[in-house]
Amino acid sequence: MRTMTMCLTAALLTAPAALSAQDSTSTAKDGSQARLDAALSTALQAGVPVSLLEGKIAEGKAKGVPMDRIAAAVEQRLEALTDAHTALMKAGITSTTDGQLSVAADAVQAGVSQTALVAVSKDASEGTRAVAIAVLTDLVAQGQASAQALEQVQAALAHGPDALANLGAQVAGRSQIDAGLGAGAAGGAEAHAGAGIGAEVNLGSPKPN
């Protein structure tokens, strides 16, 4: 009887702490979910496809990433997508695909200036825009200034799709060598060649610069 009493006493003493921990975890999850809901709502209002954020959420959950980190990553991606959306509109583009918008957001997150992103979006044709932006992104990721990288991409565009493809291959090759990953390295402009595929996104009316 004495042993049972001691066990009950111990359980009663630890119960409040366990409940408090559960409440804290639940509150954190609720807070993260509220941030995700707010991000999706903001995306809808900004004309950014929510599917581009939902995919990131699903990926994070599948990998077991904590909800607060997922929320932070989604908020950062939303900011990049919004900036990319604005740049494309400034370039006079009224509609694109979710794939091209995603590539433009990659550029923003890599540090490509909006001026350079607007310029390359204007100069490239519909068929070469995704690759041109991806090459620009890779050049900046390798340490070049946006203006310098833009000059190279514009020069390639002036000589046609083959010249752009050759520049992309050179850039991707340098990235693979730098990373020491060989031919199977992730990223690179060639990986974005199919980025134009996807649902069409209506960007709205271009705004004056």
N, C-alpha and C. Protein backbone atom coordinates (compact mmCIF):
# COMPACT_ATOMS: atom_id res chain seq x y z
N MET A 1 0.83 -1.20 0.00
CA MET A 1 0.00 0.00 0.00
C MET A 1 0.87 1.26 0.00
N ARG A 2 1.94 1.20 0.81
CA ARG A 2 2.81 2.36 0.88
C ARG A 2 3.47 2.63 -0.47
N THR A 3 3.85 1.52 -1.16
CA THR A 3 4.48 1.66 -2.47
C THR A 3 3.51 2.27 -3.46
N MET A 4 2.25 1.83 -3.43
CA MET A 4 1.24 2.36 -4.35
C MET A 4 1.01 3.84 -4.09
N THR A 5 1.00 4.20 -2.80
CA THR A 5 0.79 5.61 -2.44
C THR A 5 1.91 6.48 -2.97
N MET A 6 3.14 5.97 -2.86
CA MET A 6 4.29 6.72 -3.34
C MET A 6 4.23 6.89 -4.86
N CYS A 7 3.79 5.84 -5.56
CA CYS A 7 3.68 5.92 -7.02
C CYS A 7 2.64 6.94 -7.43
N LEU A 8 1.51 6.93 -6.73
CA LEU A 8 0.45 7.89 -7.04
C LEU A 8 0.91 9.32 -6.78
N THR A 9 1.66 9.49 -5.68
CA THR A 9 2.16 10.82 -5.35
C THR A 9 3.11 11.32 -6.43
N ALA A 10 4.00 10.43 -6.89
CA ALA A 10 4.96 10.81 -7.94
C ALA A 10 4.23 11.17 -9.22
N ALA A 11 3.20 10.40 -9.56
CA ALA A 11 2.44 10.67 -10.78
C ALA A 11 1.74 12.02 -10.69
N LEU A 12 1.19 12.32 -9.52
CA LEU A 12 0.50 13.60 -9.34
C LEU A 12 1.47 14.77 -9.42
N LEU A 13 2.70 14.55 -8.94
CA LEU A 13 3.69 15.63 -8.96
C LEU A 13 4.20 15.90 -10.38
N THR A 14 4.33 14.85 -11.20
CA THR A 14 4.88 15.03 -12.54
C THR A 14 3.81 15.40 -13.56
N ALA A 15 2.54 15.15 -13.24
CA ALA A 15 1.47 15.42 -14.21
C ALA A 15 1.41 16.88 -14.65
N PRO A 16 1.47 17.83 -13.72
CA PRO A 16 1.41 19.25 -14.16
C PRO A 16 2.52 19.62 -15.14
N ALA A 17 3.75 19.11 -14.89
CA ALA A 17 4.86 19.42 -15.79
C ALA A 17 4.62 18.83 -17.17
N ALA A 18 4.09 17.60 -17.21
CA ALA A 18 3.82 16.96 -18.50
C ALA A 18 2.74 17.71 -19.26
N LEU A 19 1.69 18.11 -18.53
CA LEU A 19 0.61 18.86 -19.17
C LEU A 19 1.11 20.22 -19.66
N SER A 20 1.99 20.84 -18.89
CA SER A 20 2.53 22.14 -19.29
C SER A 20 3.35 22.00 -20.56
N ALA A 21 4.13 20.92 -20.66
CA ALA A 21 4.95 20.70 -21.86
C ALA A 21 4.07 20.47 -23.07
N GLN A 22 2.98 19.70 -22.88
CA GLN A 22 2.05 19.46 -23.98
C GLN A 22 1.39 20.75 -24.43
N ASP A 23 1.01 21.57 -23.46
CA ASP A 23 0.37 22.85 -23.79
C ASP A 23 1.33 23.74 -24.57
N SER A 24 2.61 23.74 -24.16
CA SER A 24 3.62 24.57 -24.83
C SER A 24 3.82 24.11 -26.27
N THR A 25 3.89 22.78 -26.47
CA THR A 25 4.06 22.23 -27.82
C THR A 25 2.86 22.55 -28.69
N SER A 26 1.68 22.41 -28.10
CA SER A 26 0.44 22.69 -28.84
C SER A 26 0.36 24.16 -29.23
N THR A 27 0.76 25.04 -28.31
CA THR A 27 0.74 26.47 -28.60
C THR A 27 1.71 26.83 -29.72
N ALA A 28 2.90 26.20 -29.70
CA ALA A 28 3.89 26.46 -30.75
C ALA A 28 3.37 26.01 -32.11
N LYS A 29 2.73 24.83 -32.15
CA LYS A 29 2.17 24.32 -33.40
C LYS A 29 1.07 25.23 -33.91
N ASP A 30 0.21 25.68 -32.99
CA ASP A 30 -0.87 26.58 -33.38
C ASP A 30 -0.32 27.88 -33.94
N GLY A 31 0.75 28.39 -33.31
CA GLY A 31 1.36 29.63 -33.79
C GLY A 31 1.97 29.46 -35.17
N SER A 32 2.65 28.33 -35.40
CA SER A 32 3.25 28.07 -36.71
C SER A 32 2.19 27.90 -37.78
N GLN A 33 1.10 27.21 -37.43
CA GLN A 33 0.02 27.02 -38.39
C GLN A 33 -0.63 28.35 -38.74
N ALA A 34 -0.75 29.23 -37.76
CA ALA A 34 -1.32 30.55 -38.02
C ALA A 34 -0.43 31.33 -38.98
N ARG A 35 0.89 31.19 -38.84
CA ARG A 35 1.83 31.86 -39.75
C ARG A 35 1.69 31.31 -41.17
N LEU A 36 1.53 29.98 -41.27
CA LEU A 36 1.36 29.37 -42.59
C LEU A 36 0.05 29.83 -43.23
N ASP A 37 -1.01 29.87 -42.45
CA ASP A 37 -2.30 30.31 -42.97
C ASP A 37 -2.21 31.76 -43.46
N ALA A 38 -1.50 32.59 -42.70
CA ALA A 38 -1.35 34.00 -43.07
C ALA A 38 -0.54 34.12 -44.36
N ALA A 39 0.49 33.29 -44.51
CA ALA A 39 1.32 33.33 -45.72
C ALA A 39 0.50 32.94 -46.95
N LEU A 40 -0.31 31.89 -46.81
CA LEU A 40 -1.14 31.46 -47.94
C LEU A 40 -2.17 32.52 -48.31
N SER A 41 -2.72 33.17 -47.29
CA SER A 41 -3.69 34.24 -47.54
C SER A 41 -3.04 35.42 -48.25
N THR A 42 -1.84 35.77 -47.81
CA THR A 42 -1.11 36.87 -48.43
C THR A 42 -0.77 36.55 -49.88
N ALA A 43 -0.40 35.29 -50.14
CA ALA A 43 -0.08 34.85 -51.51
C ALA A 43 -1.30 35.01 -52.41
N LEU A 44 -2.45 34.63 -51.93
CA LEU A 44 -3.67 34.76 -52.72
C LEU A 44 -3.93 36.23 -53.07
N GLN A 45 -3.77 37.09 -52.10
CA GLN A 45 -4.02 38.52 -52.33
C GLN A 45 -3.00 39.12 -53.30
N ALA A 46 -1.76 38.58 -53.29
CA ALA A 46 -0.70 39.12 -54.14
C ALA A 46 -0.69 38.51 -55.54
N GLY A 47 -1.55 37.52 -55.76
CA GLY A 47 -1.59 36.87 -57.06
C GLY A 47 -0.51 35.81 -57.24
N VAL A 48 0.07 35.36 -56.14
CA VAL A 48 1.09 34.31 -56.18
C VAL A 48 0.41 32.95 -56.00
N PRO A 49 0.67 31.99 -56.88
CA PRO A 49 0.04 30.67 -56.76
C PRO A 49 0.35 30.01 -55.41
N VAL A 50 -0.68 29.68 -54.66
CA VAL A 50 -0.46 29.06 -53.35
C VAL A 50 0.17 27.68 -53.48
N SER A 51 0.04 27.07 -54.65
CA SER A 51 0.62 25.74 -54.85
C SER A 51 2.13 25.76 -54.68
N LEU A 52 2.75 26.90 -55.00
CA LEU A 52 4.20 27.02 -54.86
C LEU A 52 4.62 27.02 -53.40
N LEU A 53 3.72 27.42 -52.52
CA LEU A 53 3.99 27.39 -51.08
C LEU A 53 3.53 26.08 -50.46
N GLU A 54 2.41 25.57 -50.93
CA GLU A 54 1.89 24.31 -50.40
C GLU A 54 2.87 23.17 -50.64
N GLY A 55 3.55 23.21 -51.79
CA GLY A 55 4.55 22.19 -52.07
C GLY A 55 5.68 22.22 -51.07
N LYS A 56 6.09 23.43 -50.69
CA LYS A 56 7.18 23.59 -49.72
C LYS A 56 6.74 23.10 -48.34
N ILE A 57 5.48 23.37 -47.99
CA ILE A 57 4.94 22.92 -46.71
C ILE A 57 4.92 21.39 -46.67
N ALA A 58 4.42 20.78 -47.74
CA ALA A 58 4.33 19.32 -47.81
C ALA A 58 5.72 18.69 -47.74
N GLU A 59 6.69 19.31 -48.42
CA GLU A 59 8.06 18.80 -48.41
C GLU A 59 8.64 18.83 -47.00
N GLY A 60 8.42 19.94 -46.30
CA GLY A 60 8.93 20.06 -44.94
C GLY A 60 8.32 19.05 -44.00
N LYS A 61 7.01 18.85 -44.10
CA LYS A 61 6.34 17.88 -43.24
C LYS A 61 6.83 16.47 -43.53
N ALA A 62 7.02 16.15 -44.81
CA ALA A 62 7.48 14.81 -45.20
C ALA A 62 8.86 14.52 -44.63
N LYS A 63 9.68 15.56 -44.50
CA LYS A 63 11.04 15.40 -43.97
C LYS A 63 11.09 15.51 -42.45
N GLY A 64 9.94 15.76 -41.83
CA GLY A 64 9.91 15.87 -40.38
C GLY A 64 10.50 17.15 -39.84
N VAL A 65 10.52 18.19 -40.66
CA VAL A 65 11.06 19.49 -40.23
C VAL A 65 10.09 20.13 -39.23
N PRO A 66 10.58 20.70 -38.14
CA PRO A 66 9.71 21.36 -37.16
C PRO A 66 8.84 22.43 -37.82
N MET A 67 7.63 22.58 -37.33
CA MET A 67 6.67 23.50 -37.94
C MET A 67 7.15 24.94 -37.95
N ASP A 68 7.88 25.35 -36.91
CA ASP A 68 8.33 26.74 -36.89
C ASP A 68 9.35 27.01 -37.99
N ARG A 69 10.18 26.01 -38.30
CA ARG A 69 11.14 26.17 -39.38
C ARG A 69 10.45 26.15 -40.74
N ILE A 70 9.41 25.32 -40.86
CA ILE A 70 8.64 25.30 -42.10
C ILE A 70 8.00 26.67 -42.33
N ALA A 71 7.42 27.21 -41.27
CA ALA A 71 6.75 28.52 -41.37
C ALA A 71 7.74 29.60 -41.80
N ALA A 72 8.95 29.57 -41.21
CA ALA A 72 9.96 30.57 -41.56
C ALA A 72 10.38 30.43 -43.03
N ALA A 73 10.57 29.19 -43.49
CA ALA A 73 10.97 28.96 -44.88
C ALA A 73 9.89 29.40 -45.85
N VAL A 74 8.65 29.15 -45.49
CA VAL A 74 7.52 29.54 -46.35
C VAL A 74 7.40 31.06 -46.42
N GLU A 75 7.60 31.73 -45.30
CA GLU A 75 7.55 33.19 -45.29
C GLU A 75 8.65 33.79 -46.16
N GLN A 76 9.86 33.20 -46.10
CA GLN A 76 10.96 33.67 -46.93
C GLN A 76 10.67 33.44 -48.42
N ARG A 77 10.10 32.26 -48.71
CA ARG A 77 9.79 31.95 -50.10
C ARG A 77 8.69 32.87 -50.63
N LEU A 78 7.72 33.17 -49.80
CA LEU A 78 6.64 34.08 -50.20
C LEU A 78 7.21 35.45 -50.55
N GLU A 79 8.13 35.93 -49.75
CA GLU A 79 8.76 37.24 -50.01
C GLU A 79 9.47 37.22 -51.36
N ALA A 80 10.20 36.12 -51.63
CA ALA A 80 10.92 36.00 -52.90
C ALA A 80 9.95 35.91 -54.08
N LEU A 81 8.89 35.16 -53.93
CA LEU A 81 7.89 35.02 -54.99
C LEU A 81 7.20 36.36 -55.27
N THR A 82 6.93 37.10 -54.21
CA THR A 82 6.29 38.41 -54.37
C THR A 82 7.21 39.38 -55.10
N ASP A 83 8.49 39.37 -54.73
CA ASP A 83 9.46 40.24 -55.41
C ASP A 83 9.62 39.84 -56.87
N ALA A 84 9.61 38.53 -57.12
CA ALA A 84 9.73 38.03 -58.50
C ALA A 84 8.50 38.44 -59.31
N HIS A 85 7.35 38.33 -58.70
CA HIS A 85 6.08 38.73 -59.34
C HIS A 85 6.15 40.20 -59.74
N THR A 86 6.64 41.03 -58.83
CA THR A 86 6.76 42.47 -59.09
C THR A 86 7.74 42.74 -60.24
N ALA A 87 8.87 42.04 -60.23
CA ALA A 87 9.88 42.23 -61.28
C ALA A 87 9.34 41.86 -62.65
N LEU A 88 8.62 40.77 -62.74
CA LEU A 88 8.05 40.34 -64.02
C LEU A 88 7.01 41.34 -64.52
N MET A 89 6.24 41.89 -63.61
CA MET A 89 5.26 42.90 -64.00
C MET A 89 5.96 44.16 -64.50
N LYS A 90 7.05 44.54 -63.84
CA LYS A 90 7.81 45.72 -64.28
C LYS A 90 8.42 45.49 -65.66
N ALA A 91 8.66 44.24 -65.99
CA ALA A 91 9.22 43.90 -67.29
C ALA A 91 8.15 43.89 -68.38
N GLY A 92 6.90 44.15 -67.98
CA GLY A 92 5.81 44.19 -68.94
C GLY A 92 5.19 42.84 -69.22
N ILE A 93 5.50 41.86 -68.39
CA ILE A 93 4.96 40.51 -68.58
C ILE A 93 3.66 40.40 -67.78
N THR A 94 2.58 40.10 -68.48
CA THR A 94 1.27 40.04 -67.82
C THR A 94 0.87 38.63 -67.42
N SER A 95 1.52 37.63 -67.98
CA SER A 95 1.22 36.25 -67.58
C SER A 95 2.46 35.40 -67.77
N THR A 96 2.61 34.39 -66.94
CA THR A 96 3.75 33.49 -67.01
C THR A 96 3.29 32.14 -66.50
N THR A 97 4.21 31.22 -66.26
CA THR A 97 3.85 29.94 -65.67
C THR A 97 4.35 29.90 -64.23
N ASP A 98 3.79 29.00 -63.45
CA ASP A 98 4.27 28.90 -62.08
C ASP A 98 5.74 28.47 -62.04
N GLY A 99 6.16 27.71 -63.07
CA GLY A 99 7.56 27.31 -63.15
C GLY A 99 8.49 28.49 -63.36
N GLN A 100 8.13 29.39 -64.26
CA GLN A 100 8.95 30.57 -64.51
C GLN A 100 8.95 31.50 -63.30
N LEU A 101 7.82 31.62 -62.65
CA LEU A 101 7.76 32.47 -61.46
C LEU A 101 8.66 31.89 -60.36
N SER A 102 8.67 30.57 -60.26
CA SER A 102 9.52 29.92 -59.27
C SER A 102 11.00 30.14 -59.57
N VAL A 103 11.37 30.08 -60.85
CA VAL A 103 12.76 30.33 -61.26
C VAL A 103 13.16 31.77 -60.93
N ALA A 104 12.24 32.70 -61.17
CA ALA A 104 12.51 34.11 -60.85
C ALA A 104 12.67 34.30 -59.34
N ALA A 105 11.89 33.56 -58.56
CA ALA A 105 12.03 33.64 -57.11
C ALA A 105 13.36 33.06 -56.65
N ASP A 106 13.82 32.01 -57.32
CA ASP A 106 15.16 31.47 -57.02
C ASP A 106 16.22 32.54 -57.23
N ALA A 107 16.03 33.33 -58.29
CA ALA A 107 16.97 34.41 -58.59
C ALA A 107 17.00 35.43 -57.45
N VAL A 108 15.83 35.79 -56.98
CA VAL A 108 15.73 36.76 -55.87
C VAL A 108 16.46 36.22 -54.64
N GLN A 109 16.22 34.96 -54.33
CA GLN A 109 16.83 34.38 -53.13
C GLN A 109 18.33 34.18 -53.28
N ALA A 110 18.81 34.12 -54.54
CA ALA A 110 20.25 33.98 -54.77
C ALA A 110 20.97 35.32 -54.71
N GLY A 111 20.18 36.42 -54.65
CA GLY A 111 20.79 37.74 -54.55
C GLY A 111 20.79 38.54 -55.83
N VAL A 112 20.09 38.06 -56.87
CA VAL A 112 20.00 38.82 -58.12
C VAL A 112 19.20 40.10 -57.85
N SER A 113 19.72 41.23 -58.30
CA SER A 113 19.02 42.49 -58.07
C SER A 113 17.74 42.54 -58.90
N GLN A 114 16.76 43.31 -58.42
CA GLN A 114 15.51 43.41 -59.17
C GLN A 114 15.75 44.09 -60.52
N THR A 115 16.69 45.04 -60.57
CA THR A 115 17.01 45.71 -61.83
C THR A 115 17.46 44.70 -62.88
N ALA A 116 18.35 43.80 -62.48
CA ALA A 116 18.85 42.78 -63.40
C ALA A 116 17.77 41.79 -63.79
N LEU A 117 16.93 41.44 -62.82
CA LEU A 117 15.85 40.49 -63.10
C LEU A 117 14.84 41.08 -64.07
N VAL A 118 14.53 42.35 -63.89
CA VAL A 118 13.61 43.04 -64.80
C VAL A 118 14.21 43.08 -66.21
N ALA A 119 15.49 43.44 -66.29
CA ALA A 119 16.15 43.58 -67.58
C ALA A 119 16.20 42.27 -68.35
N VAL A 120 16.60 41.19 -67.69
CA VAL A 120 16.71 39.92 -68.39
C VAL A 120 15.34 39.39 -68.77
N SER A 121 14.34 39.69 -67.97
CA SER A 121 12.98 39.26 -68.29
C SER A 121 12.45 39.98 -69.52
N LYS A 122 12.85 41.24 -69.66
CA LYS A 122 12.45 42.02 -70.84
C LYS A 122 13.15 41.51 -72.10
N ASP A 123 14.45 41.23 -71.97
CA ASP A 123 15.26 40.90 -73.13
C ASP A 123 15.01 39.49 -73.66
N ALA A 124 14.70 38.58 -72.76
CA ALA A 124 14.51 37.19 -73.17
C ALA A 124 13.13 36.97 -73.76
N SER A 125 13.05 36.04 -74.68
CA SER A 125 11.75 35.67 -75.25
C SER A 125 11.04 34.71 -74.29
N GLU A 126 9.80 34.43 -74.57
CA GLU A 126 9.04 33.50 -73.73
C GLU A 126 9.75 32.15 -73.64
N GLY A 127 10.31 31.71 -74.76
CA GLY A 127 10.94 30.40 -74.78
C GLY A 127 12.29 30.33 -74.09
N THR A 128 12.96 31.47 -73.95
CA THR A 128 14.29 31.45 -73.34
C THR A 128 14.34 32.11 -71.96
N ARG A 129 13.23 32.66 -71.52
CA ARG A 129 13.24 33.46 -70.28
C ARG A 129 13.68 32.64 -69.07
N ALA A 130 13.12 31.46 -68.89
CA ALA A 130 13.45 30.66 -67.70
C ALA A 130 14.93 30.32 -67.67
N VAL A 131 15.48 29.91 -68.81
CA VAL A 131 16.90 29.55 -68.87
C VAL A 131 17.78 30.78 -68.64
N ALA A 132 17.41 31.91 -69.24
CA ALA A 132 18.18 33.14 -69.08
C ALA A 132 18.24 33.57 -67.61
N ILE A 133 17.09 33.49 -66.94
CA ILE A 133 17.06 33.85 -65.52
C ILE A 133 17.89 32.87 -64.70
N ALA A 134 17.81 31.58 -65.05
CA ALA A 134 18.57 30.57 -64.32
C ALA A 134 20.08 30.77 -64.48
N VAL A 135 20.52 31.11 -65.70
CA VAL A 135 21.94 31.37 -65.94
C VAL A 135 22.38 32.59 -65.13
N LEU A 136 21.58 33.63 -65.16
CA LEU A 136 21.86 34.84 -64.37
C LEU A 136 21.99 34.49 -62.89
N THR A 137 21.09 33.66 -62.41
CA THR A 137 21.10 33.24 -61.01
C THR A 137 22.38 32.50 -60.66
N ASP A 138 22.79 31.58 -61.53
CA ASP A 138 23.99 30.80 -61.27
C ASP A 138 25.25 31.66 -61.27
N LEU A 139 25.29 32.63 -62.18
CA LEU A 139 26.44 33.53 -62.23
C LEU A 139 26.57 34.34 -60.93
N VAL A 140 25.44 34.85 -60.45
CA VAL A 140 25.43 35.61 -59.20
C VAL A 140 25.79 34.70 -58.03
N ALA A 141 25.28 33.48 -58.05
CA ALA A 141 25.58 32.53 -56.98
C ALA A 141 27.07 32.20 -56.94
N GLN A 142 27.74 32.31 -58.09
CA GLN A 142 29.17 32.05 -58.15
C GLN A 142 30.00 33.26 -57.72
N GLY A 143 29.33 34.35 -57.38
CA GLY A 143 30.04 35.50 -56.84
C GLY A 143 30.10 36.73 -57.72
N GLN A 144 29.51 36.66 -58.91
CA GLN A 144 29.53 37.82 -59.78
C GLN A 144 28.46 38.83 -59.36
N ALA A 145 28.73 40.09 -59.60
CA ALA A 145 27.73 41.13 -59.34
C ALA A 145 26.61 40.97 -60.35
N SER A 146 25.41 41.39 -59.96
CA SER A 146 24.25 41.25 -60.84
C SER A 146 24.46 41.94 -62.18
N ALA A 147 25.03 43.14 -62.16
CA ALA A 147 25.25 43.89 -63.40
C ALA A 147 26.20 43.17 -64.33
N GLN A 148 27.27 42.62 -63.77
CA GLN A 148 28.26 41.90 -64.58
C GLN A 148 27.64 40.62 -65.15
N ALA A 149 26.90 39.91 -64.33
CA ALA A 149 26.26 38.68 -64.80
C ALA A 149 25.22 38.98 -65.88
N LEU A 150 24.51 40.08 -65.70
CA LEU A 150 23.49 40.48 -66.68
C LEU A 150 24.12 40.74 -68.05
N GLU A 151 25.27 41.40 -68.07
CA GLU A 151 25.95 41.69 -69.34
C GLU A 151 26.25 40.40 -70.10
N GLN A 152 26.69 39.39 -69.39
CA GLN A 152 27.02 38.12 -70.03
C GLN A 152 25.77 37.44 -70.60
N VAL A 153 24.70 37.47 -69.83
CA VAL A 153 23.46 36.83 -70.29
C VAL A 153 22.88 37.60 -71.47
N GLN A 154 22.92 38.92 -71.41
CA GLN A 154 22.40 39.72 -72.52
C GLN A 154 23.21 39.49 -73.79
N ALA A 155 24.53 39.36 -73.66
CA ALA A 155 25.38 39.09 -74.81
C ALA A 155 25.03 37.75 -75.44
N ALA A 156 24.78 36.76 -74.57
CA ALA A 156 24.40 35.44 -75.07
C ALA A 156 23.04 35.48 -75.75
N LEU A 157 22.10 36.20 -75.17
CA LEU A 157 20.77 36.32 -75.77
C LEU A 157 20.85 36.98 -77.14
N ALA A 158 21.75 37.94 -77.28
CA ALA A 158 21.89 38.65 -78.56
C ALA A 158 22.37 37.72 -79.68
N HIS A 159 23.05 36.64 -79.28
CA HIS A 159 23.57 35.70 -80.28
C HIS A 159 22.66 34.48 -80.47
N GLY A 160 21.56 34.45 -79.75
CA GLY A 160 20.59 33.38 -79.97
C GLY A 160 20.58 32.30 -78.90
N PRO A 161 19.60 31.40 -78.98
CA PRO A 161 19.41 30.34 -77.99
C PRO A 161 20.62 29.43 -77.80
N ASP A 162 21.34 29.14 -78.88
CA ASP A 162 22.50 28.26 -78.76
C ASP A 162 23.59 28.89 -77.89
N ALA A 163 23.80 30.19 -78.08
CA ALA A 163 24.81 30.89 -77.28
C ALA A 163 24.39 30.89 -75.80
N LEU A 164 23.10 31.07 -75.55
CA LEU A 164 22.61 31.05 -74.17
C LEU A 164 22.80 29.66 -73.56
N ALA A 165 22.50 28.63 -74.36
CA ALA A 165 22.67 27.25 -73.87
C ALA A 165 24.14 26.96 -73.57
N ASN A 166 25.03 27.45 -74.42
CA ASN A 166 26.47 27.24 -74.19
C ASN A 166 26.94 27.94 -72.92
N LEU A 167 26.46 29.17 -72.71
CA LEU A 167 26.81 29.89 -71.49
C LEU A 167 26.28 29.14 -70.27
N GLY A 168 25.05 28.66 -70.38
CA GLY A 168 24.46 27.90 -69.28
C GLY A 168 25.27 26.66 -68.95
N ALA A 169 25.74 25.96 -69.99
CA ALA A 169 26.54 24.76 -69.78
C ALA A 169 27.87 25.09 -69.10
N GLN A 170 28.48 26.21 -69.53
CA GLN A 170 29.75 26.63 -68.92
C GLN A 170 29.56 26.96 -67.44
N VAL A 171 28.49 27.68 -67.17
CA VAL A 171 28.22 28.08 -65.78
C VAL A 171 27.94 26.86 -64.92
N ALA A 172 27.11 25.95 -65.45
CA ALA A 172 26.78 24.74 -64.70
C ALA A 172 28.03 23.90 -64.45
N GLY A 173 28.92 23.86 -65.46
CA GLY A 173 30.16 23.11 -65.30
C GLY A 173 31.04 23.67 -64.20
N ARG A 174 31.11 25.00 -64.14
CA ARG A 174 31.91 25.63 -63.08
C ARG A 174 31.31 25.34 -61.71
N SER A 175 29.98 25.35 -61.64
CA SER A 175 29.31 25.07 -60.36
C SER A 175 29.62 23.66 -59.89
N GLN A 176 29.62 22.71 -60.83
CA GLN A 176 29.90 21.32 -60.48
C GLN A 176 31.34 21.15 -60.01
N ILE A 177 32.25 21.82 -60.68
CA ILE A 177 33.66 21.73 -60.28
C ILE A 177 33.86 22.34 -58.91
N ASP A 178 33.27 23.53 -58.69
CA ASP A 178 33.41 24.21 -57.40
C ASP A 178 32.84 23.36 -56.27
N ALA A 179 31.72 22.71 -56.54
CA ALA A 179 31.07 21.92 -55.50
C ALA A 179 31.70 20.54 -55.36
N GLY A 180 32.46 20.12 -56.38
CA GLY A 180 33.10 18.82 -56.34
C GLY A 180 32.11 17.68 -56.44
N LEU A 181 30.99 17.94 -57.14
CA LEU A 181 29.93 16.93 -57.20
C LEU A 181 29.89 16.20 -58.53
N GLY A 182 30.65 16.65 -59.54
CA GLY A 182 30.65 15.97 -60.81
C GLY A 182 29.40 16.25 -61.60
N ALA A 183 29.15 15.40 -62.59
CA ALA A 183 28.08 15.64 -63.55
C ALA A 183 26.69 15.55 -62.94
N GLY A 184 26.57 14.95 -61.75
CA GLY A 184 25.24 14.79 -61.16
C GLY A 184 24.87 15.91 -60.22
N ALA A 185 25.59 17.01 -60.22
CA ALA A 185 25.31 18.09 -59.29
C ALA A 185 23.93 18.65 -59.50
N ALA A 186 23.32 19.01 -58.39
CA ALA A 186 21.99 19.62 -58.47
C ALA A 186 22.13 21.07 -58.87
N GLY A 187 21.07 21.63 -59.43
CA GLY A 187 21.09 23.03 -59.82
C GLY A 187 21.66 23.19 -61.21
N GLY A 188 22.06 24.43 -61.53
CA GLY A 188 22.59 24.72 -62.85
C GLY A 188 21.48 25.11 -63.79
N ALA A 189 21.84 25.89 -64.79
CA ALA A 189 20.84 26.41 -65.71
C ALA A 189 20.14 25.32 -66.49
N GLU A 190 20.86 24.22 -66.82
CA GLU A 190 20.25 23.18 -67.61
C GLU A 190 19.11 22.52 -66.87
N ALA A 191 19.19 22.50 -65.54
CA ALA A 191 18.13 21.88 -64.76
C ALA A 191 16.84 22.66 -64.84
N HIS A 192 16.93 23.92 -65.29
CA HIS A 192 15.75 24.78 -65.36
C HIS A 192 15.17 24.86 -66.77
N ALA A 193 15.69 24.04 -67.66
CA ALA A 193 15.26 24.15 -69.05
C ALA A 193 13.77 23.91 -69.21
N GLY A 194 13.20 23.08 -68.34
CA GLY A 194 11.77 22.81 -68.43
C GLY A 194 10.95 23.63 -67.47
N ALA A 195 11.52 24.70 -66.94
CA ALA A 195 10.83 25.47 -65.92
C ALA A 195 9.65 26.25 -66.45
N GLY A 196 9.54 26.34 -67.77
CA GLY A 196 8.40 27.05 -68.33
C GLY A 196 7.13 26.24 -68.29
N ILE A 197 7.26 24.95 -67.94
CA ILE A 197 6.09 24.09 -67.90
C ILE A 197 5.32 24.34 -66.61
N GLY A 198 4.02 24.39 -66.71
CA GLY A 198 3.20 24.55 -65.51
C GLY A 198 1.98 25.40 -65.79
N ALA A 199 1.16 25.54 -64.77
CA ALA A 199 -0.06 26.31 -64.93
C ALA A 199 0.27 27.77 -65.20
N GLU A 200 -0.54 28.41 -66.05
CA GLU A 200 -0.31 29.81 -66.36
C GLU A 200 -0.70 30.68 -65.19
N VAL A 201 0.10 31.69 -64.94
CA VAL A 201 -0.15 32.62 -63.84
C VAL A 201 -0.41 33.99 -64.42
N ASN A 202 -1.55 34.55 -64.11
CA ASN A 202 -1.89 35.90 -64.57
C ASN A 202 -1.30 36.90 -63.60
N LEU A 203 -0.38 37.71 -64.07
CA LEU A 203 0.32 38.65 -63.20
C LEU A 203 -0.39 39.97 -63.05
N GLY A 204 -1.40 40.24 -63.89
CA GLY A 204 -2.09 41.52 -63.83
C GLY A 204 -1.49 42.51 -64.77
N SER A 205 -1.89 43.74 -64.67
CA SER A 205 -1.40 44.80 -65.55
C SER A 205 -0.06 45.30 -65.10
N PRO A 206 0.88 45.48 -66.02
CA PRO A 206 2.20 46.02 -65.65
C PRO A 206 2.09 47.38 -65.01
N LYS A 207 2.93 47.63 -64.02
CA LYS A 207 2.96 48.93 -63.36
C LYS A 207 4.11 49.75 -63.90
N PRO A 208 3.94 51.04 -64.02
CA PRO A 208 5.03 51.89 -64.53
C PRO A 208 6.20 51.87 -63.59
N ASN A 209 7.43 52.00 -64.14
CA ASN A 209 8.63 52.00 -63.30
C ASN A 209 8.67 53.25 -62.44
